[in-house]
N, C-alpha and C. Protein backbone atom coordinates (compact mmCIF):
# COMPACT_ATOMS: atom_id res chain seq x y z
N MET A 1 0.85 -1.19 0.00
CA MET A 1 0.00 0.00 0.00
C MET A 1 0.89 1.24 0.00
N SER A 2 0.53 2.23 -0.82
CA SER A 2 1.31 3.45 -0.93
C SER A 2 1.13 4.30 0.31
N VAL A 3 1.99 5.34 0.42
CA VAL A 3 1.90 6.25 1.56
C VAL A 3 0.55 6.96 1.56
N ARG A 4 0.10 7.34 0.37
CA ARG A 4 -1.20 8.03 0.28
C ARG A 4 -2.33 7.11 0.73
N GLY A 5 -2.23 5.81 0.35
CA GLY A 5 -3.26 4.86 0.75
C GLY A 5 -3.29 4.67 2.26
N VAL A 6 -2.11 4.61 2.88
CA VAL A 6 -2.05 4.46 4.34
C VAL A 6 -2.66 5.68 5.02
N THR A 7 -2.39 6.87 4.50
CA THR A 7 -2.93 8.10 5.08
C THR A 7 -4.45 8.14 5.00
N LEU A 8 -4.99 7.77 3.84
CA LEU A 8 -6.44 7.75 3.68
C LEU A 8 -7.10 6.72 4.60
N PHE A 9 -6.43 5.58 4.76
CA PHE A 9 -6.98 4.54 5.65
C PHE A 9 -6.99 5.04 7.10
N ALA A 10 -5.92 5.70 7.52
CA ALA A 10 -5.84 6.21 8.89
C ALA A 10 -6.92 7.26 9.15
N ARG A 11 -7.14 8.15 8.17
CA ARG A 11 -8.18 9.17 8.33
C ARG A 11 -9.57 8.53 8.42
N GLY A 12 -9.81 7.50 7.57
CA GLY A 12 -11.10 6.83 7.62
C GLY A 12 -11.33 6.12 8.95
N LEU A 13 -10.27 5.56 9.52
CA LEU A 13 -10.38 4.88 10.81
C LEU A 13 -10.72 5.88 11.91
N VAL A 14 -10.08 7.04 11.90
CA VAL A 14 -10.35 8.08 12.90
C VAL A 14 -11.80 8.55 12.80
N LEU A 15 -12.28 8.78 11.57
CA LEU A 15 -13.66 9.23 11.38
C LEU A 15 -14.65 8.18 11.86
N ALA A 16 -14.33 6.90 11.63
CA ALA A 16 -15.22 5.83 12.08
C ALA A 16 -15.31 5.79 13.60
N ILE A 17 -14.17 5.98 14.27
CA ILE A 17 -14.16 5.98 15.73
C ILE A 17 -14.96 7.15 16.27
N LEU A 18 -14.80 8.33 15.67
CA LEU A 18 -15.55 9.50 16.11
C LEU A 18 -17.05 9.30 15.91
N ALA A 19 -17.41 8.64 14.83
CA ALA A 19 -18.83 8.41 14.57
C ALA A 19 -19.43 7.46 15.61
N LEU A 20 -18.67 6.44 15.99
CA LEU A 20 -19.15 5.51 17.01
C LEU A 20 -19.32 6.20 18.35
N GLN A 21 -18.44 7.13 18.67
CA GLN A 21 -18.52 7.84 19.93
C GLN A 21 -19.76 8.72 20.02
N ASN A 22 -20.29 9.12 18.87
CA ASN A 22 -21.47 9.98 18.86
C ASN A 22 -22.78 9.20 18.94
N ILE A 23 -22.70 7.87 18.85
CA ILE A 23 -23.91 7.05 18.96
C ILE A 23 -24.34 7.01 20.41
N PRO A 24 -25.60 7.32 20.73
CA PRO A 24 -26.07 7.30 22.12
C PRO A 24 -25.85 5.93 22.76
N GLY A 25 -25.33 5.95 23.98
CA GLY A 25 -25.11 4.72 24.73
C GLY A 25 -23.71 4.18 24.60
N LEU A 26 -22.98 4.55 23.52
CA LEU A 26 -21.62 4.06 23.36
C LEU A 26 -20.58 5.01 23.93
N ALA A 27 -20.94 6.24 24.17
CA ALA A 27 -19.98 7.22 24.65
C ALA A 27 -20.05 7.40 26.15
N LYS A 28 -20.79 6.55 26.86
CA LYS A 28 -20.90 6.71 28.30
C LYS A 28 -19.61 6.31 28.99
N THR A 29 -19.25 7.04 29.97
CA THR A 29 -18.09 6.74 30.79
C THR A 29 -18.57 6.35 32.17
N LYS A 30 -17.62 5.95 33.03
CA LYS A 30 -17.96 5.58 34.38
C LYS A 30 -18.56 6.76 35.15
N GLN A 31 -18.08 7.96 34.84
CA GLN A 31 -18.59 9.13 35.53
C GLN A 31 -20.05 9.41 35.18
N GLU A 32 -20.51 8.92 34.00
CA GLU A 32 -21.86 9.21 33.57
C GLU A 32 -22.87 8.18 34.08
N LYS A 33 -22.39 7.11 34.72
CA LYS A 33 -23.30 6.12 35.28
C LYS A 33 -24.08 6.76 36.41
N THR A 34 -25.36 6.53 36.44
CA THR A 34 -26.20 7.20 37.40
C THR A 34 -26.91 6.18 38.28
N LEU A 35 -27.60 6.69 39.29
CA LEU A 35 -28.38 5.87 40.20
C LEU A 35 -29.84 5.87 39.76
N PRO A 36 -30.63 4.90 40.22
CA PRO A 36 -32.05 4.93 39.90
C PRO A 36 -32.70 6.21 40.39
N GLU A 37 -33.73 6.62 39.72
CA GLU A 37 -34.41 7.87 40.05
C GLU A 37 -34.97 7.85 41.47
N TYR A 38 -35.42 6.67 41.92
CA TYR A 38 -36.02 6.62 43.26
C TYR A 38 -35.00 6.90 44.36
N VAL A 39 -33.71 6.67 44.08
CA VAL A 39 -32.68 7.01 45.08
C VAL A 39 -32.52 8.52 45.18
N LEU A 40 -32.51 9.19 44.03
CA LEU A 40 -32.36 10.65 44.04
C LEU A 40 -33.59 11.34 44.61
N ALA A 41 -34.75 10.72 44.45
CA ALA A 41 -35.99 11.32 44.95
C ALA A 41 -36.30 10.92 46.39
N ALA A 42 -35.52 10.01 46.95
CA ALA A 42 -35.82 9.47 48.28
C ALA A 42 -35.67 10.54 49.36
N LYS A 43 -36.56 10.47 50.34
CA LYS A 43 -36.52 11.35 51.50
C LYS A 43 -36.26 10.60 52.80
N SER A 44 -36.64 9.32 52.83
CA SER A 44 -36.50 8.52 54.05
C SER A 44 -35.66 7.28 53.76
N VAL A 45 -35.03 6.77 54.81
CA VAL A 45 -34.16 5.61 54.68
C VAL A 45 -34.29 4.74 55.92
N ALA A 46 -34.23 3.44 55.72
CA ALA A 46 -34.19 2.48 56.83
C ALA A 46 -32.88 1.71 56.72
N VAL A 47 -32.19 1.56 57.84
CA VAL A 47 -30.93 0.82 57.88
C VAL A 47 -31.17 -0.52 58.57
N MET A 48 -30.85 -1.60 57.88
CA MET A 48 -31.07 -2.94 58.40
C MET A 48 -29.75 -3.71 58.44
N ILE A 49 -29.68 -4.67 59.34
CA ILE A 49 -28.56 -5.59 59.39
C ILE A 49 -28.88 -6.78 58.49
N ASP A 50 -27.93 -7.17 57.68
CA ASP A 50 -28.11 -8.32 56.81
C ASP A 50 -28.51 -9.54 57.65
N PRO A 51 -29.68 -10.13 57.38
CA PRO A 51 -30.12 -11.26 58.19
C PRO A 51 -29.21 -12.48 58.09
N THR A 52 -28.35 -12.53 57.07
CA THR A 52 -27.41 -13.65 56.95
C THR A 52 -26.05 -13.35 57.58
N ALA A 53 -25.93 -12.21 58.27
CA ALA A 53 -24.64 -11.79 58.80
C ALA A 53 -24.17 -12.68 59.93
N GLY A 54 -25.09 -13.25 60.71
CA GLY A 54 -24.67 -14.06 61.84
C GLY A 54 -24.11 -13.19 62.96
N MET A 55 -23.41 -13.80 63.88
CA MET A 55 -22.84 -13.08 65.02
C MET A 55 -21.38 -13.44 65.20
N ASP A 56 -20.55 -12.42 65.36
CA ASP A 56 -19.14 -12.61 65.60
C ASP A 56 -18.93 -12.88 67.08
N ALA A 57 -18.37 -14.04 67.43
CA ALA A 57 -18.17 -14.38 68.84
C ALA A 57 -17.22 -13.41 69.53
N ASP A 58 -16.27 -12.85 68.78
CA ASP A 58 -15.33 -11.91 69.37
C ASP A 58 -15.93 -10.52 69.55
N ASP A 59 -16.94 -10.19 68.75
CA ASP A 59 -17.57 -8.87 68.84
C ASP A 59 -19.05 -9.02 68.50
N PRO A 60 -19.85 -9.54 69.42
CA PRO A 60 -21.25 -9.86 69.11
C PRO A 60 -22.10 -8.64 68.78
N ARG A 61 -21.69 -7.43 69.17
CA ARG A 61 -22.48 -6.23 68.91
C ARG A 61 -21.97 -5.45 67.71
N ALA A 62 -21.08 -6.02 66.93
CA ALA A 62 -20.45 -5.29 65.83
C ALA A 62 -21.47 -4.76 64.84
N ASN A 63 -22.43 -5.58 64.43
CA ASN A 63 -23.42 -5.14 63.44
C ASN A 63 -24.38 -4.10 64.02
N ASP A 64 -24.76 -4.25 65.29
CA ASP A 64 -25.63 -3.27 65.91
C ASP A 64 -24.95 -1.91 66.00
N VAL A 65 -23.67 -1.91 66.37
CA VAL A 65 -22.92 -0.65 66.44
C VAL A 65 -22.78 -0.03 65.06
N ALA A 66 -22.51 -0.87 64.04
CA ALA A 66 -22.37 -0.36 62.68
C ALA A 66 -23.67 0.26 62.18
N ARG A 67 -24.80 -0.37 62.51
CA ARG A 67 -26.08 0.19 62.08
C ARG A 67 -26.32 1.58 62.70
N LYS A 68 -26.02 1.73 63.98
CA LYS A 68 -26.18 3.03 64.65
C LYS A 68 -25.21 4.06 64.08
N ASP A 69 -24.00 3.63 63.74
CA ASP A 69 -23.03 4.55 63.14
C ASP A 69 -23.49 5.03 61.76
N VAL A 70 -24.06 4.11 60.98
CA VAL A 70 -24.56 4.48 59.65
C VAL A 70 -25.73 5.47 59.79
N GLU A 71 -26.63 5.20 60.71
CA GLU A 71 -27.76 6.12 60.93
C GLU A 71 -27.27 7.50 61.35
N ALA A 72 -26.27 7.54 62.23
CA ALA A 72 -25.73 8.83 62.67
C ALA A 72 -25.07 9.57 61.51
N ALA A 73 -24.36 8.84 60.65
CA ALA A 73 -23.72 9.47 59.49
C ALA A 73 -24.76 10.00 58.51
N LEU A 74 -25.87 9.28 58.35
CA LEU A 74 -26.93 9.74 57.46
C LEU A 74 -27.62 10.98 58.03
N VAL A 75 -27.82 11.01 59.33
CA VAL A 75 -28.40 12.21 59.96
C VAL A 75 -27.47 13.41 59.77
N LYS A 76 -26.19 13.18 59.92
CA LYS A 76 -25.21 14.27 59.72
C LYS A 76 -25.23 14.76 58.27
N TRP A 77 -25.40 13.84 57.34
CA TRP A 77 -25.48 14.21 55.92
C TRP A 77 -26.70 15.08 55.69
N GLY A 78 -27.85 14.68 56.24
CA GLY A 78 -29.05 15.49 56.17
C GLY A 78 -29.93 15.29 54.96
N ARG A 79 -29.56 14.39 54.07
CA ARG A 79 -30.38 14.20 52.86
C ARG A 79 -31.55 13.27 53.11
N PHE A 80 -31.36 12.25 53.94
CA PHE A 80 -32.40 11.26 54.20
C PHE A 80 -32.77 11.27 55.68
N GLU A 81 -34.03 11.00 55.95
CA GLU A 81 -34.50 10.89 57.33
C GLU A 81 -34.61 9.41 57.70
N PRO A 82 -33.85 8.95 58.69
CA PRO A 82 -33.92 7.54 59.08
C PRO A 82 -35.27 7.19 59.69
N VAL A 83 -35.81 6.04 59.28
CA VAL A 83 -37.03 5.49 59.86
C VAL A 83 -36.73 4.05 60.28
N VAL A 84 -37.63 3.48 61.07
CA VAL A 84 -37.36 2.15 61.64
C VAL A 84 -37.71 1.03 60.66
N HIS A 85 -38.88 1.10 60.07
CA HIS A 85 -39.38 -0.02 59.27
C HIS A 85 -39.11 0.20 57.78
N PRO A 86 -38.60 -0.81 57.08
CA PRO A 86 -38.34 -0.68 55.64
C PRO A 86 -39.61 -0.48 54.83
N GLU A 87 -40.76 -0.92 55.35
CA GLU A 87 -42.01 -0.74 54.62
C GLU A 87 -42.40 0.72 54.47
N TYR A 88 -41.82 1.59 55.31
CA TYR A 88 -42.17 3.01 55.27
C TYR A 88 -40.97 3.87 54.87
N ALA A 89 -39.99 3.27 54.23
CA ALA A 89 -38.79 4.00 53.81
C ALA A 89 -38.70 4.03 52.29
N ASP A 90 -38.22 5.14 51.75
CA ASP A 90 -38.05 5.25 50.30
C ASP A 90 -36.91 4.34 49.81
N ILE A 91 -35.84 4.28 50.58
CA ILE A 91 -34.74 3.37 50.27
C ILE A 91 -34.34 2.63 51.54
N VAL A 92 -33.76 1.47 51.36
CA VAL A 92 -33.33 0.64 52.48
C VAL A 92 -31.85 0.30 52.30
N ILE A 93 -31.09 0.48 53.35
CA ILE A 93 -29.66 0.15 53.34
C ILE A 93 -29.45 -1.07 54.21
N VAL A 94 -28.87 -2.11 53.63
CA VAL A 94 -28.58 -3.34 54.35
C VAL A 94 -27.07 -3.42 54.57
N ILE A 95 -26.66 -3.51 55.84
CA ILE A 95 -25.24 -3.49 56.16
C ILE A 95 -24.81 -4.80 56.81
N ARG A 96 -23.51 -5.07 56.74
CA ARG A 96 -22.94 -6.24 57.40
C ARG A 96 -21.47 -5.96 57.69
N LYS A 97 -21.06 -6.16 58.91
CA LYS A 97 -19.66 -6.02 59.28
C LYS A 97 -18.88 -7.25 58.84
N GLY A 98 -17.71 -7.01 58.27
CA GLY A 98 -16.83 -8.12 57.93
C GLY A 98 -16.13 -8.66 59.17
N ARG A 99 -15.54 -9.80 59.03
CA ARG A 99 -14.84 -10.43 60.15
C ARG A 99 -13.40 -10.72 59.73
N VAL A 100 -12.50 -10.51 60.66
CA VAL A 100 -11.09 -10.80 60.43
C VAL A 100 -10.77 -12.10 61.14
N GLN A 101 -10.38 -13.10 60.37
CA GLN A 101 -10.08 -14.41 60.94
C GLN A 101 -8.75 -14.35 61.65
N THR A 102 -8.73 -14.73 62.91
CA THR A 102 -7.51 -14.68 63.69
C THR A 102 -6.58 -15.82 63.31
N GLN A 103 -5.30 -15.67 63.64
CA GLN A 103 -4.31 -16.69 63.31
C GLN A 103 -4.56 -17.97 64.08
N ASP A 104 -5.01 -17.83 65.33
CA ASP A 104 -5.29 -19.02 66.15
C ASP A 104 -6.40 -19.85 65.55
N ALA A 105 -7.42 -19.16 64.99
CA ALA A 105 -8.54 -19.90 64.40
C ALA A 105 -8.15 -20.59 63.12
N ALA A 106 -7.17 -20.02 62.39
CA ALA A 106 -6.75 -20.59 61.12
C ALA A 106 -5.81 -21.77 61.30
N MET A 107 -5.10 -21.85 62.45
CA MET A 107 -4.15 -22.92 62.67
C MET A 107 -4.86 -24.16 63.18
N PRO A 108 -4.41 -25.35 62.77
CA PRO A 108 -5.01 -26.58 63.27
C PRO A 108 -4.67 -26.80 64.73
N ASP A 109 -5.46 -27.60 65.42
CA ASP A 109 -5.24 -27.89 66.82
C ASP A 109 -4.16 -28.95 66.93
N PRO A 110 -3.00 -28.61 67.53
CA PRO A 110 -1.90 -29.59 67.59
C PRO A 110 -2.24 -30.78 68.47
N ARG A 111 -3.29 -30.68 69.28
CA ARG A 111 -3.64 -31.78 70.16
C ARG A 111 -4.55 -32.79 69.47
N GLN A 112 -4.97 -32.50 68.24
CA GLN A 112 -5.86 -33.40 67.52
C GLN A 112 -5.04 -34.40 66.73
N PRO A 113 -5.55 -35.61 66.51
CA PRO A 113 -4.81 -36.63 65.75
C PRO A 113 -4.64 -36.22 64.31
N GLY A 114 -3.51 -36.68 63.73
CA GLY A 114 -3.23 -36.41 62.33
C GLY A 114 -2.66 -35.04 62.08
N THR A 115 -2.17 -34.34 63.12
CA THR A 115 -1.58 -33.01 62.95
C THR A 115 -0.17 -33.03 63.48
N MET A 116 0.58 -31.99 63.15
CA MET A 116 1.96 -31.89 63.59
C MET A 116 2.03 -31.00 64.80
N ASN A 117 2.65 -31.46 65.84
CA ASN A 117 2.85 -30.68 67.05
C ASN A 117 4.23 -30.07 67.01
N PRO A 118 4.33 -28.73 67.02
CA PRO A 118 5.66 -28.10 66.94
C PRO A 118 6.55 -28.45 68.11
N ASN A 119 5.99 -28.96 69.20
CA ASN A 119 6.79 -29.32 70.36
C ASN A 119 7.32 -30.74 70.28
N ASP A 120 6.81 -31.53 69.32
CA ASP A 120 7.28 -32.89 69.15
C ASP A 120 8.42 -32.94 68.16
N ASN A 121 9.10 -34.08 68.13
CA ASN A 121 10.20 -34.26 67.19
C ASN A 121 9.72 -34.73 65.83
N GLY A 122 8.47 -35.16 65.74
CA GLY A 122 7.96 -35.66 64.48
C GLY A 122 6.50 -35.35 64.33
N ILE A 123 5.84 -36.13 63.51
CA ILE A 123 4.43 -35.93 63.22
C ILE A 123 3.63 -37.04 63.87
N ARG A 124 2.58 -36.65 64.58
CA ARG A 124 1.70 -37.64 65.20
C ARG A 124 0.59 -37.96 64.20
N MET A 125 0.59 -39.14 63.67
CA MET A 125 -0.41 -39.55 62.69
C MET A 125 -1.36 -40.54 63.33
N GLY A 126 -2.65 -40.45 62.93
CA GLY A 126 -3.63 -41.40 63.41
C GLY A 126 -4.12 -41.05 64.80
N THR A 127 -4.99 -41.86 65.32
CA THR A 127 -5.60 -41.63 66.61
C THR A 127 -4.78 -42.27 67.70
N GLN A 128 -4.45 -41.51 68.74
CA GLN A 128 -3.72 -42.03 69.89
C GLN A 128 -4.72 -42.68 70.85
N ARG A 129 -4.46 -43.92 71.23
CA ARG A 129 -5.38 -44.63 72.10
C ARG A 129 -4.67 -45.10 73.36
N GLY A 130 -5.43 -45.19 74.44
CA GLY A 130 -4.88 -45.65 75.71
C GLY A 130 -4.86 -47.17 75.77
N VAL A 131 -4.45 -47.68 76.92
CA VAL A 131 -4.30 -49.11 77.07
C VAL A 131 -5.64 -49.83 77.02
N ASP A 132 -6.73 -49.10 77.34
CA ASP A 132 -8.05 -49.73 77.32
C ASP A 132 -8.73 -49.62 75.96
N GLY A 133 -8.03 -49.07 74.97
CA GLY A 133 -8.60 -48.97 73.63
C GLY A 133 -9.36 -47.69 73.38
N THR A 134 -9.57 -46.85 74.38
CA THR A 134 -10.27 -45.59 74.19
C THR A 134 -9.31 -44.53 73.69
N GLN A 135 -9.86 -43.49 73.08
CA GLN A 135 -9.04 -42.42 72.53
C GLN A 135 -8.44 -41.61 73.67
N ALA A 136 -7.14 -41.40 73.60
CA ALA A 136 -6.45 -40.65 74.64
C ALA A 136 -6.29 -39.21 74.22
N GLY A 137 -5.90 -38.38 75.18
CA GLY A 137 -5.65 -36.97 74.88
C GLY A 137 -6.83 -36.11 75.23
N SER A 138 -6.73 -34.85 74.92
CA SER A 138 -7.77 -33.88 75.26
C SER A 138 -8.96 -34.03 74.33
N PRO A 139 -10.17 -33.69 74.78
CA PRO A 139 -11.36 -33.76 73.91
C PRO A 139 -11.27 -32.73 72.80
N GLN A 140 -12.00 -33.01 71.73
CA GLN A 140 -12.00 -32.09 70.60
C GLN A 140 -12.67 -30.78 70.97
N ARG A 141 -12.26 -29.71 70.28
CA ARG A 141 -12.85 -28.40 70.50
C ARG A 141 -13.66 -28.02 69.28
N PRO A 142 -14.97 -28.26 69.31
CA PRO A 142 -15.79 -28.05 68.10
C PRO A 142 -15.73 -26.62 67.60
N GLN A 143 -15.64 -25.65 68.49
CA GLN A 143 -15.67 -24.26 68.05
C GLN A 143 -14.45 -23.93 67.21
N GLN A 144 -13.32 -24.57 67.51
CA GLN A 144 -12.12 -24.31 66.72
C GLN A 144 -12.12 -25.12 65.43
N GLN A 145 -12.78 -26.28 65.45
CA GLN A 145 -12.80 -27.12 64.27
C GLN A 145 -13.77 -26.59 63.23
N GLU A 146 -14.86 -25.96 63.66
CA GLU A 146 -15.87 -25.45 62.75
C GLU A 146 -15.74 -23.94 62.65
N ILE A 147 -14.96 -23.47 61.72
CA ILE A 147 -14.67 -22.05 61.56
C ILE A 147 -15.51 -21.50 60.41
N GLU A 148 -16.27 -20.48 60.67
CA GLU A 148 -17.10 -19.87 59.63
C GLU A 148 -16.25 -18.95 58.77
N MET A 149 -16.23 -19.18 57.46
CA MET A 149 -15.46 -18.36 56.53
C MET A 149 -16.30 -17.16 56.12
N ALA A 150 -16.31 -16.13 56.95
CA ALA A 150 -17.10 -14.93 56.69
C ALA A 150 -16.28 -13.93 55.88
N PRO A 151 -16.93 -13.10 55.06
CA PRO A 151 -16.20 -12.08 54.30
C PRO A 151 -15.50 -11.09 55.23
N GLN A 152 -14.35 -10.62 54.80
CA GLN A 152 -13.59 -9.66 55.59
C GLN A 152 -14.03 -8.23 55.33
N GLU A 153 -14.63 -7.97 54.16
CA GLU A 153 -15.05 -6.62 53.83
C GLU A 153 -16.40 -6.29 54.46
N ASP A 154 -16.54 -5.03 54.87
CA ASP A 154 -17.85 -4.54 55.31
C ASP A 154 -18.73 -4.34 54.08
N SER A 155 -20.02 -4.60 54.23
CA SER A 155 -20.95 -4.53 53.10
C SER A 155 -22.01 -3.46 53.35
N PHE A 156 -22.35 -2.74 52.28
CA PHE A 156 -23.32 -1.65 52.31
C PHE A 156 -24.10 -1.72 51.01
N VAL A 157 -25.38 -2.13 51.07
CA VAL A 157 -26.17 -2.34 49.86
C VAL A 157 -27.46 -1.52 49.96
N VAL A 158 -27.79 -0.81 48.87
CA VAL A 158 -28.97 0.06 48.83
C VAL A 158 -30.03 -0.59 47.95
N TYR A 159 -31.26 -0.66 48.50
CA TYR A 159 -32.40 -1.21 47.77
C TYR A 159 -33.55 -0.20 47.79
N GLN A 160 -34.52 -0.45 46.94
CA GLN A 160 -35.74 0.35 46.96
C GLN A 160 -36.59 -0.06 48.16
N GLY A 161 -37.21 0.93 48.80
CA GLY A 161 -37.99 0.67 50.00
C GLY A 161 -39.44 0.35 49.73
N TRP A 162 -40.26 0.54 50.76
CA TRP A 162 -41.69 0.25 50.73
C TRP A 162 -41.96 -1.23 50.47
N LYS A 163 -41.08 -2.09 51.01
CA LYS A 163 -41.25 -3.54 50.87
C LYS A 163 -40.88 -4.19 52.20
N ALA A 164 -41.55 -5.29 52.51
CA ALA A 164 -41.20 -6.04 53.71
C ALA A 164 -39.85 -6.74 53.54
N ASN A 165 -39.54 -7.12 52.30
CA ASN A 165 -38.27 -7.78 52.01
C ASN A 165 -37.58 -7.04 50.87
N PRO A 166 -36.95 -5.90 51.15
CA PRO A 166 -36.36 -5.10 50.07
C PRO A 166 -35.23 -5.80 49.34
N ALA A 167 -34.53 -6.73 50.01
CA ALA A 167 -33.41 -7.41 49.36
C ALA A 167 -33.85 -8.33 48.23
N SER A 168 -35.16 -8.55 48.09
CA SER A 168 -35.65 -9.36 46.98
C SER A 168 -35.64 -8.59 45.66
N GLY A 169 -35.48 -7.28 45.72
CA GLY A 169 -35.45 -6.45 44.53
C GLY A 169 -34.03 -6.21 44.03
N PRO A 170 -33.88 -5.46 42.95
CA PRO A 170 -32.56 -5.18 42.40
C PRO A 170 -31.74 -4.25 43.30
N VAL A 171 -30.44 -4.34 43.18
CA VAL A 171 -29.53 -3.50 43.96
C VAL A 171 -29.37 -2.14 43.27
N ALA A 172 -29.57 -1.07 44.02
CA ALA A 172 -29.40 0.28 43.47
C ALA A 172 -27.96 0.73 43.55
N TRP A 173 -27.28 0.36 44.62
CA TRP A 173 -25.88 0.75 44.82
C TRP A 173 -25.28 -0.21 45.84
N ARG A 174 -24.02 -0.56 45.64
CA ARG A 174 -23.36 -1.50 46.55
C ARG A 174 -21.89 -1.13 46.71
N LYS A 175 -21.40 -1.32 47.93
CA LYS A 175 -20.00 -1.09 48.20
C LYS A 175 -19.53 -2.11 49.24
N ASP A 176 -18.48 -2.86 48.90
CA ASP A 176 -17.83 -3.76 49.84
C ASP A 176 -16.41 -3.25 50.06
N GLN A 177 -16.11 -2.93 51.30
CA GLN A 177 -14.85 -2.25 51.59
C GLN A 177 -14.33 -2.67 52.96
N ARG A 178 -13.05 -2.91 53.02
CA ARG A 178 -12.43 -3.25 54.30
C ARG A 178 -12.51 -2.03 55.23
N ASP A 179 -13.08 -2.21 56.42
CA ASP A 179 -13.27 -1.14 57.40
C ASP A 179 -14.14 -0.01 56.85
N GLY A 180 -14.99 -0.32 55.89
CA GLY A 180 -15.88 0.70 55.35
C GLY A 180 -16.92 1.17 56.34
N LEU A 181 -17.24 0.33 57.32
CA LEU A 181 -18.18 0.70 58.37
C LEU A 181 -17.45 1.01 59.67
N HIS A 182 -16.25 1.51 59.52
CA HIS A 182 -15.46 1.86 60.70
C HIS A 182 -16.23 2.84 61.57
N SER A 183 -16.24 2.57 62.85
CA SER A 183 -17.06 3.34 63.78
C SER A 183 -16.73 4.82 63.73
N HIS A 184 -17.77 5.63 63.81
CA HIS A 184 -17.73 7.10 63.86
C HIS A 184 -17.56 7.74 62.47
N ASP A 185 -16.51 7.40 61.72
CA ASP A 185 -16.34 8.09 60.43
C ASP A 185 -17.11 7.42 59.30
N VAL A 186 -17.26 6.10 59.31
CA VAL A 186 -18.05 5.32 58.35
C VAL A 186 -17.74 5.73 56.91
N PRO A 187 -16.59 5.34 56.36
CA PRO A 187 -16.19 5.78 55.01
C PRO A 187 -17.17 5.41 53.91
N ILE A 188 -17.89 4.28 54.05
CA ILE A 188 -18.81 3.87 52.97
C ILE A 188 -19.94 4.87 52.80
N VAL A 189 -20.41 5.47 53.88
CA VAL A 189 -21.47 6.47 53.76
C VAL A 189 -20.97 7.66 52.94
N ASP A 190 -19.73 8.03 53.13
CA ASP A 190 -19.16 9.12 52.35
C ASP A 190 -19.07 8.75 50.88
N GLU A 191 -18.74 7.48 50.58
CA GLU A 191 -18.70 7.03 49.19
C GLU A 191 -20.10 7.07 48.57
N PHE A 192 -21.10 6.68 49.34
CA PHE A 192 -22.48 6.73 48.86
C PHE A 192 -22.90 8.18 48.61
N ARG A 193 -22.52 9.08 49.49
CA ARG A 193 -22.85 10.50 49.31
C ARG A 193 -22.23 11.02 48.01
N LYS A 194 -21.00 10.64 47.72
CA LYS A 194 -20.35 11.08 46.48
C LYS A 194 -21.09 10.53 45.26
N ALA A 195 -21.53 9.28 45.34
CA ALA A 195 -22.26 8.69 44.22
C ALA A 195 -23.58 9.40 43.99
N VAL A 196 -24.28 9.75 45.08
CA VAL A 196 -25.56 10.45 44.95
C VAL A 196 -25.34 11.85 44.38
N ASP A 197 -24.33 12.55 44.87
CA ASP A 197 -24.04 13.89 44.37
C ASP A 197 -23.70 13.86 42.88
N ALA A 198 -22.90 12.88 42.47
CA ALA A 198 -22.53 12.77 41.05
C ALA A 198 -23.74 12.45 40.19
N ALA A 199 -24.60 11.56 40.68
CA ALA A 199 -25.81 11.22 39.92
C ALA A 199 -26.76 12.40 39.84
N GLN A 200 -26.84 13.19 40.91
CA GLN A 200 -27.69 14.37 40.91
C GLN A 200 -27.22 15.40 39.89
N LYS A 201 -25.91 15.61 39.83
CA LYS A 201 -25.36 16.55 38.86
C LYS A 201 -25.59 16.07 37.43
N ALA A 202 -25.43 14.75 37.20
CA ALA A 202 -25.66 14.21 35.87
C ALA A 202 -27.11 14.34 35.46
N ALA A 203 -28.02 14.14 36.41
CA ALA A 203 -29.45 14.28 36.10
C ALA A 203 -29.81 15.72 35.80
N GLU A 204 -29.24 16.65 36.54
CA GLU A 204 -29.53 18.07 36.29
C GLU A 204 -28.94 18.54 34.97
N ALA A 205 -27.80 17.94 34.57
CA ALA A 205 -27.18 18.32 33.29
C ALA A 205 -28.01 17.88 32.10
N LYS A 206 -28.80 16.82 32.27
CA LYS A 206 -29.62 16.31 31.18
C LYS A 206 -30.90 17.12 31.00
N LYS A 207 -31.24 17.92 31.99
CA LYS A 207 -32.46 18.71 31.88
C LYS A 207 -32.32 19.80 30.81
N PRO A 208 -33.36 20.06 30.03
CA PRO A 208 -33.26 21.08 28.96
C PRO A 208 -33.15 22.47 29.54
């Protein structure tokens, strides 16, 4: 291909790319992604604990504290009025505190059969039994053997309200973040505020 042919091909390629960018829906960027209209129009909010969150034995009140922190952050923001029941809220926020698995919980019990004891010279394999045929050694510790693999990130999910079970509907906004529900400052609420502000500006820009 001659130099002139290469130049014409390059110009045609550029024009084709520009034409595609002008087609509605293809030129959207991440900044132009918006939230559902009901989130921008919402006046009330209910904060719920994820019913599948369970309870952390090391911090049984973690989710309750996180819920109160989120409500306090929303009151400080001033855009939404917290209510108790999701059936009477425009939007519902479902939160869950993540759990950090401790090293002790992750390590096997050296007193159990078939594990290596760092204090021994070798590996104890199989079940140790006494002279009467019964299993010797300390009893098993079920709580250490049955470790729940819970997510480490805090979860913050926004749904449409006026439902007894809002989580059955589509997700309006979601954020999973390590320490996102950190007490007092609650970084995830600030991220949600930024998303709402950006969506509000985008909606106002579209108005004639």
